[in-house]
N, C-alpha and C. Protein backbone atom coordinates (compact mmCIF):
# COMPACT_ATOMS: atom_id res chain seq x y z
N MET A 1 51.38 59.26 60.28
CA MET A 1 52.43 60.24 60.14
C MET A 1 52.35 60.84 58.73
N MET A 2 52.35 62.13 58.66
CA MET A 2 52.29 62.82 57.38
C MET A 2 53.70 63.06 56.87
N MET A 3 53.96 62.60 55.66
CA MET A 3 55.27 62.79 55.05
C MET A 3 55.15 63.68 53.83
N ARG A 4 56.21 64.36 53.53
CA ARG A 4 56.24 65.14 52.30
C ARG A 4 56.24 64.17 51.12
N PRO A 5 55.67 64.57 50.00
CA PRO A 5 55.56 63.66 48.85
C PRO A 5 56.90 63.09 48.39
N ASN A 6 57.94 63.90 48.37
CA ASN A 6 59.25 63.40 47.93
C ASN A 6 59.83 62.39 48.91
N THR A 7 59.63 62.61 50.18
CA THR A 7 60.10 61.66 51.20
C THR A 7 59.35 60.35 51.06
N LEU A 8 58.06 60.43 50.83
CA LEU A 8 57.24 59.24 50.66
C LEU A 8 57.72 58.43 49.46
N ARG A 9 57.98 59.10 48.35
CA ARG A 9 58.46 58.40 47.15
C ARG A 9 59.84 57.77 47.40
N LYS A 10 60.69 58.48 48.13
CA LYS A 10 62.02 57.94 48.44
C LYS A 10 61.91 56.69 49.30
N TYR A 11 61.07 56.73 50.33
CA TYR A 11 60.88 55.58 51.20
C TYR A 11 60.31 54.41 50.41
N GLN A 12 59.33 54.68 49.55
CA GLN A 12 58.75 53.61 48.74
C GLN A 12 59.80 52.99 47.83
N ARG A 13 60.64 53.81 47.23
CA ARG A 13 61.67 53.31 46.33
C ARG A 13 62.70 52.46 47.07
N ILE A 14 63.09 52.89 48.26
CA ILE A 14 64.07 52.12 49.04
C ILE A 14 63.47 50.78 49.46
N GLN A 15 62.22 50.79 49.91
CA GLN A 15 61.57 49.54 50.30
C GLN A 15 61.39 48.62 49.10
N GLN A 16 61.04 49.17 47.96
CA GLN A 16 60.89 48.38 46.74
C GLN A 16 62.23 47.78 46.33
N ARG A 17 63.28 48.58 46.40
CA ARG A 17 64.62 48.11 46.02
C ARG A 17 65.08 47.01 46.96
N TYR A 18 64.75 47.12 48.25
CA TYR A 18 65.10 46.07 49.20
C TYR A 18 64.46 44.75 48.77
N ARG A 19 63.17 44.79 48.44
CA ARG A 19 62.46 43.58 48.01
C ARG A 19 63.07 43.01 46.72
N GLU A 20 63.45 43.89 45.78
CA GLU A 20 64.06 43.43 44.53
C GLU A 20 65.36 42.67 44.80
N LEU A 21 66.18 43.24 45.67
CA LEU A 21 67.48 42.62 45.94
C LEU A 21 67.35 41.37 46.81
N TYR A 22 66.53 41.43 47.83
CA TYR A 22 66.42 40.32 48.78
C TYR A 22 65.60 39.17 48.20
N ASP A 23 64.43 39.48 47.66
CA ASP A 23 63.55 38.44 47.15
C ASP A 23 63.90 38.05 45.71
N GLY A 24 64.23 39.03 44.89
CA GLY A 24 64.50 38.76 43.49
C GLY A 24 65.88 38.21 43.23
N LYS A 25 66.90 38.94 43.67
CA LYS A 25 68.28 38.51 43.41
C LYS A 25 68.82 37.58 44.50
N ARG A 26 68.03 37.40 45.56
CA ARG A 26 68.37 36.47 46.64
C ARG A 26 69.70 36.80 47.33
N LEU A 27 69.95 38.11 47.54
CA LEU A 27 71.13 38.52 48.29
C LEU A 27 70.88 38.36 49.78
N ARG A 28 71.96 38.23 50.53
CA ARG A 28 71.83 38.16 51.99
C ARG A 28 71.37 39.50 52.53
N HIS A 29 70.71 39.48 53.69
CA HIS A 29 70.16 40.69 54.30
C HIS A 29 71.24 41.75 54.50
N ASP A 30 72.35 41.38 55.09
CA ASP A 30 73.40 42.38 55.34
C ASP A 30 74.00 42.92 54.04
N ASP A 31 74.05 42.11 52.99
CA ASP A 31 74.52 42.59 51.69
C ASP A 31 73.53 43.58 51.08
N VAL A 32 72.24 43.31 51.26
CA VAL A 32 71.22 44.23 50.75
C VAL A 32 71.30 45.56 51.46
N ILE A 33 71.46 45.54 52.78
CA ILE A 33 71.58 46.78 53.56
C ILE A 33 72.78 47.58 53.07
N GLN A 34 73.90 46.92 52.88
CA GLN A 34 75.11 47.61 52.39
C GLN A 34 74.89 48.19 51.00
N HIS A 35 74.22 47.43 50.15
CA HIS A 35 73.93 47.91 48.79
C HIS A 35 73.04 49.15 48.83
N LEU A 36 72.02 49.14 49.68
CA LEU A 36 71.13 50.30 49.81
C LEU A 36 71.89 51.52 50.35
N MET A 37 72.78 51.29 51.30
CA MET A 37 73.59 52.39 51.84
C MET A 37 74.41 53.04 50.73
N ASP A 38 75.02 52.21 49.89
CA ASP A 38 75.86 52.72 48.80
C ASP A 38 75.03 53.37 47.69
N GLU A 39 73.90 52.75 47.37
CA GLU A 39 73.08 53.23 46.26
C GLU A 39 72.37 54.55 46.58
N PHE A 40 71.87 54.68 47.82
CA PHE A 40 71.10 55.87 48.18
C PHE A 40 71.88 56.86 49.05
N PHE A 41 73.14 56.56 49.35
CA PHE A 41 74.00 57.45 50.15
C PHE A 41 73.38 57.78 51.51
N ILE A 42 72.95 56.74 52.21
CA ILE A 42 72.36 56.92 53.53
C ILE A 42 73.02 55.96 54.51
N SER A 43 72.89 56.25 55.80
CA SER A 43 73.54 55.43 56.82
C SER A 43 72.75 54.14 57.08
N GLU A 44 73.39 53.23 57.76
CA GLU A 44 72.76 51.95 58.10
C GLU A 44 71.52 52.16 58.97
N LEU A 45 71.62 53.06 59.94
CA LEU A 45 70.47 53.33 60.81
C LEU A 45 69.30 53.90 60.02
N THR A 46 69.59 54.74 59.06
CA THR A 46 68.53 55.32 58.22
C THR A 46 67.87 54.24 57.37
N VAL A 47 68.65 53.32 56.83
CA VAL A 47 68.08 52.22 56.05
C VAL A 47 67.12 51.41 56.92
N TYR A 48 67.55 51.05 58.12
CA TYR A 48 66.69 50.27 59.01
C TYR A 48 65.43 51.04 59.38
N ARG A 49 65.56 52.33 59.64
CA ARG A 49 64.39 53.15 59.99
C ARG A 49 63.38 53.17 58.84
N ILE A 50 63.88 53.33 57.62
CA ILE A 50 63.01 53.38 56.45
C ILE A 50 62.33 52.03 56.24
N LEU A 51 63.06 50.94 56.41
CA LEU A 51 62.47 49.63 56.22
C LEU A 51 61.41 49.31 57.27
N ARG A 52 61.55 49.86 58.47
CA ARG A 52 60.55 49.64 59.52
C ARG A 52 59.33 50.54 59.37
N THR A 53 59.45 51.62 58.62
CA THR A 53 58.37 52.58 58.46
C THR A 53 57.28 52.00 57.58
N GLU A 54 56.05 52.06 58.07
CA GLU A 54 54.92 51.57 57.30
C GLU A 54 54.50 52.65 56.31
N ILE A 55 54.55 52.33 55.04
CA ILE A 55 54.25 53.28 53.98
C ILE A 55 52.95 52.84 53.31
N PRO A 56 52.00 53.76 53.12
CA PRO A 56 50.79 53.38 52.39
C PRO A 56 51.13 53.06 50.93
N SER A 57 50.32 52.23 50.32
CA SER A 57 50.56 51.91 48.92
C SER A 57 50.39 53.17 48.08
N PRO A 58 50.96 53.21 46.88
CA PRO A 58 50.87 54.42 46.05
C PRO A 58 49.42 54.86 45.80
N LYS A 59 48.49 53.93 45.61
CA LYS A 59 47.10 54.30 45.38
C LYS A 59 46.51 54.98 46.60
N GLN A 60 46.81 54.47 47.79
CA GLN A 60 46.31 55.07 49.03
C GLN A 60 46.89 56.46 49.23
N SER A 61 48.17 56.62 48.97
CA SER A 61 48.79 57.93 49.19
C SER A 61 48.27 58.95 48.18
N ASP A 62 47.99 58.53 46.94
CA ASP A 62 47.44 59.45 45.93
C ASP A 62 46.06 59.93 46.34
N SER A 63 45.21 59.04 46.81
CA SER A 63 43.87 59.44 47.20
C SER A 63 43.92 60.32 48.43
N HIS A 64 44.87 60.07 49.34
CA HIS A 64 45.01 60.91 50.53
C HIS A 64 45.45 62.31 50.15
N GLU A 65 46.37 62.42 49.18
CA GLU A 65 46.83 63.74 48.74
C GLU A 65 45.69 64.53 48.10
N LYS A 66 44.83 63.86 47.33
CA LYS A 66 43.72 64.53 46.69
C LYS A 66 42.75 65.03 47.74
N ASP A 67 42.51 64.22 48.79
CA ASP A 67 41.60 64.62 49.87
C ASP A 67 42.14 65.83 50.60
N SER A 68 43.44 65.84 50.87
CA SER A 68 44.02 66.95 51.63
C SER A 68 44.07 68.22 50.80
N LYS A 69 44.20 68.10 49.47
CA LYS A 69 44.23 69.30 48.62
C LYS A 69 42.86 69.94 48.50
N SER A 70 41.80 69.15 48.63
CA SER A 70 40.46 69.72 48.48
C SER A 70 40.02 70.46 49.72
N ASP A 71 40.73 70.32 50.83
CA ASP A 71 40.36 71.02 52.08
C ASP A 71 40.72 72.48 52.04
């Protein structure tokens, strides 16, 4: 799935923030979801959709963008 660069960065940031809160601060899953909803101003369904979305690592996405720009 091709995403716009800003959407990709937003999804990466939300997924990273989830890991920080859940793994780092050891918050409960439902508390992390609520925190993400409040922090990013998005609905619960949107949070779950973003967390389920497979995002390429930043290095992979950068090389893909360079390839698509050269076409």
